[in-house]
Amino acid sequence: MTGITGITQSIPDLLVNTAAEALGTMFFTPVTRRLKGSFVANTTDTLLVRIPFLAGSQSNGALDVRVSSEGAQWIASSFLASDGATVPEYRVNDVICELANVICGSLLSVMLTDRGFRLLTPEVLREKFPDQRPSSFEESLELERGWLTLRLNMSPAA
């Protein structure tokens, strides 16, 4: 993972700051605080979106975004200006996929300034949160309503 090893100490903070900025400015959902631990990762009433990426020829990875159902509904409602009305599930999925895309693009733009990257299509996963890999970083955020967990997984290219 040449090119990012020098910033691994700041990746957790970068995850939090990038997500908070995207949520607050583009999705009109402020973060109220950073949560300790990954206690939210195995909750069943959630939406999980994964956006895989390629980072040159040296590494690849994915950003997983898990959001509580209440949080996903709140983010979608705020983004779509639906005035508190319940947003249909397919629209919530679209909004959270776009959120994952924005966060991942912003994050990689900072982390991989010396080389390019390519975001692949985000997808809604119907599985539990995958096991954490040795080269992953995880942070959880409390929102006005609900919570959001981010997990960045990086690995050398095969």
Protein backbone atom coordinates (compact mmCIF):
# COMPACT_ATOMS: atom_id res chain seq x y z
CA MET A 1 0.00 0.00 0.00
CA THR A 2 2.72 2.41 -0.94
CA GLY A 3 1.50 5.96 -1.16
CA ILE A 4 -0.90 5.82 1.80
CA THR A 5 1.21 4.27 4.55
CA GLY A 6 2.40 7.66 5.75
CA ILE A 7 -1.13 8.77 6.56
CA THR A 8 -2.55 5.66 8.24
CA GLN A 9 -2.56 7.41 11.62
CA SER A 10 -4.98 10.01 10.29
CA ILE A 11 -7.30 7.71 8.31
CA PRO A 12 -9.85 7.33 11.16
CA ASP A 13 -10.05 11.12 11.53
CA LEU A 14 -10.20 11.51 7.77
CA LEU A 15 -13.13 9.06 7.63
CA VAL A 16 -15.01 11.02 10.28
CA ASN A 17 -14.28 14.45 8.81
CA THR A 18 -15.10 13.44 5.23
CA ALA A 19 -18.38 11.82 6.25
CA ALA A 20 -19.37 14.71 8.51
CA GLU A 21 -18.69 17.24 5.77
CA ALA A 22 -20.64 15.29 3.13
CA LEU A 23 -23.55 14.64 5.48
CA GLY A 24 -23.75 18.24 6.65
CA THR A 25 -23.27 20.09 3.37
CA MET A 26 -24.77 17.84 0.69
CA PHE A 27 -27.22 15.67 2.63
CA PHE A 28 -28.36 18.26 5.21
CA THR A 29 -27.81 15.81 8.09
CA PRO A 30 -25.39 17.04 10.75
CA VAL A 31 -23.30 14.60 12.76
CA THR A 32 -23.90 15.05 16.50
CA ARG A 33 -20.89 13.09 17.75
CA ARG A 34 -18.32 10.41 17.05
CA LEU A 35 -19.25 7.09 18.66
CA LYS A 36 -16.73 4.86 20.39
CA GLY A 37 -16.30 1.26 19.25
CA SER A 38 -18.23 -0.66 16.65
CA PHE A 39 -21.22 -1.58 18.76
CA VAL A 40 -23.59 -0.70 15.91
CA ALA A 41 -22.00 -2.99 13.32
CA ASN A 42 -24.10 -6.09 14.02
CA THR A 43 -27.50 -4.46 14.49
CA THR A 44 -30.05 -6.05 12.17
CA ASP A 45 -32.30 -3.09 11.31
CA THR A 46 -29.79 -1.41 9.00
CA LEU A 47 -28.89 -0.64 5.42
CA LEU A 48 -25.45 -1.69 4.18
CA VAL A 49 -23.92 -0.19 1.03
CA ARG A 50 -20.52 -1.13 -0.37
CA ILE A 51 -18.59 0.87 -2.94
CA PRO A 52 -15.55 -0.96 -4.30
CA PHE A 53 -12.63 0.97 -5.78
CA LEU A 54 -9.39 0.45 -7.64
CA ALA A 55 -6.39 2.55 -6.68
CA GLY A 56 -3.86 2.26 -9.46
CA SER A 57 -2.10 -1.06 -9.81
CA GLN A 58 -0.97 -1.23 -6.18
CA SER A 59 -4.16 -1.65 -4.18
CA ASN A 60 -7.89 -1.99 -4.21
CA GLY A 61 -10.56 -1.91 -1.60
CA ALA A 62 -14.06 -0.94 -0.62
CA LEU A 63 -15.89 1.50 1.59
CA ASP A 64 -18.78 -0.02 3.52
CA VAL A 65 -21.44 2.33 4.83
CA ARG A 66 -23.91 0.89 7.32
CA VAL A 67 -26.75 3.14 8.43
CA SER A 68 -29.52 2.50 10.93
CA SER A 69 -32.95 2.37 9.28
CA GLU A 70 -33.93 5.55 11.10
CA GLY A 71 -30.72 7.26 9.98
CA ALA A 72 -31.11 6.15 6.35
CA GLN A 73 -34.70 7.41 6.27
CA TRP A 74 -33.63 10.73 7.85
CA ILE A 75 -30.73 11.24 5.42
CA ALA A 76 -32.95 10.43 2.41
CA SER A 77 -35.76 12.66 3.67
CA SER A 78 -33.36 15.58 4.23
CA PHE A 79 -31.58 15.11 0.90
CA LEU A 80 -34.83 14.85 -1.07
CA ALA A 81 -36.54 17.63 0.93
CA SER A 82 -39.51 15.37 1.59
CA ASP A 83 -40.68 17.32 4.67
CA GLY A 84 -40.74 14.32 7.01
CA ALA A 85 -42.72 12.08 4.68
CA THR A 86 -41.61 8.46 4.54
CA VAL A 87 -39.27 7.93 1.61
CA PRO A 88 -39.76 4.67 -0.35
CA GLU A 89 -37.08 2.04 0.21
CA TYR A 90 -35.71 2.20 -3.35
CA ARG A 91 -35.16 5.97 -3.01
CA VAL A 92 -33.50 5.54 0.39
CA ASN A 93 -31.17 2.97 -1.21
CA ASP A 94 -30.35 5.41 -4.04
CA VAL A 95 -29.55 8.23 -1.62
CA ILE A 96 -27.32 6.09 0.62
CA CYS A 97 -25.50 4.75 -2.48
CA GLU A 98 -24.89 8.37 -3.53
CA LEU A 99 -23.69 9.22 -0.01
CA ALA A 100 -21.22 6.31 -0.15
CA ASN A 101 -20.03 7.50 -3.56
CA VAL A 102 -19.45 11.07 -2.33
CA ILE A 103 -17.67 10.00 0.86
CA CYS A 104 -15.46 7.46 -0.90
CA GLY A 105 -14.53 9.87 -3.71
CA SER A 106 -13.66 12.64 -1.27
CA LEU A 107 -11.70 10.29 0.98
CA LEU A 108 -9.64 8.79 -1.83
CA SER A 109 -8.98 12.24 -3.34
CA VAL A 110 -7.14 13.14 -0.13
CA MET A 111 -5.50 9.75 0.49
CA LEU A 112 -4.32 9.03 -3.03
CA THR A 113 -3.12 12.39 -4.27
CA ASP A 114 -0.12 10.81 -6.00
CA ARG A 115 -2.11 8.41 -8.18
CA GLY A 116 -5.55 7.94 -9.61
CA PHE A 117 -8.41 5.78 -8.48
CA ARG A 118 -11.62 4.47 -9.94
CA LEU A 119 -14.87 4.08 -8.03
CA LEU A 120 -16.98 1.13 -9.03
CA THR A 121 -20.76 0.93 -8.72
CA PRO A 122 -22.09 1.09 -5.16
CA GLU A 123 -24.41 -1.75 -4.20
CA VAL A 124 -26.85 -2.50 -1.42
CA LEU A 125 -25.79 -5.67 0.40
CA ARG A 126 -28.21 -7.98 2.15
CA GLU A 127 -25.57 -9.59 4.36
CA LYS A 128 -24.30 -8.81 7.83
CA PHE A 129 -21.32 -6.49 8.21
CA PRO A 130 -18.31 -8.36 6.81
CA ASP A 131 -15.50 -9.27 9.19
CA GLN A 132 -12.94 -6.55 9.69
CA ARG A 133 -9.66 -7.12 7.85
CA PRO A 134 -6.23 -6.20 9.25
CA SER A 135 -5.96 -3.24 6.87
CA SER A 136 -9.34 -1.72 7.63
CA PHE A 137 -10.46 1.32 9.54
CA GLU A 138 -13.88 1.71 11.14
CA GLU A 139 -15.65 4.72 12.63
CA SER A 140 -19.23 5.28 13.82
CA LEU A 141 -21.14 8.54 13.95
CA GLU A 142 -24.30 9.57 15.72
CA LEU A 143 -26.71 11.58 13.55
CA GLU A 144 -29.63 13.78 14.53
CA ARG A 145 -31.64 10.60 14.10
CA GLY A 146 -29.93 7.24 14.00
CA TRP A 147 -26.28 6.43 13.33
CA LEU A 148 -23.84 5.61 10.53
CA THR A 149 -20.77 3.35 10.50
CA LEU A 150 -18.00 3.57 7.90
CA ARG A 151 -15.46 0.84 7.24
CA LEU A 152 -12.62 1.40 4.80
CA ASN A 153 -10.97 -1.82 3.60
CA MET A 154 -7.71 -1.61 1.65
CA SER A 155 -5.72 -4.49 0.22
CA PRO A 156 -2.87 -4.99 -2.21
CA ALA A 157 -4.01 -5.71 -5.77
CA ALA A 158 -3.92 -9.35 -6.77
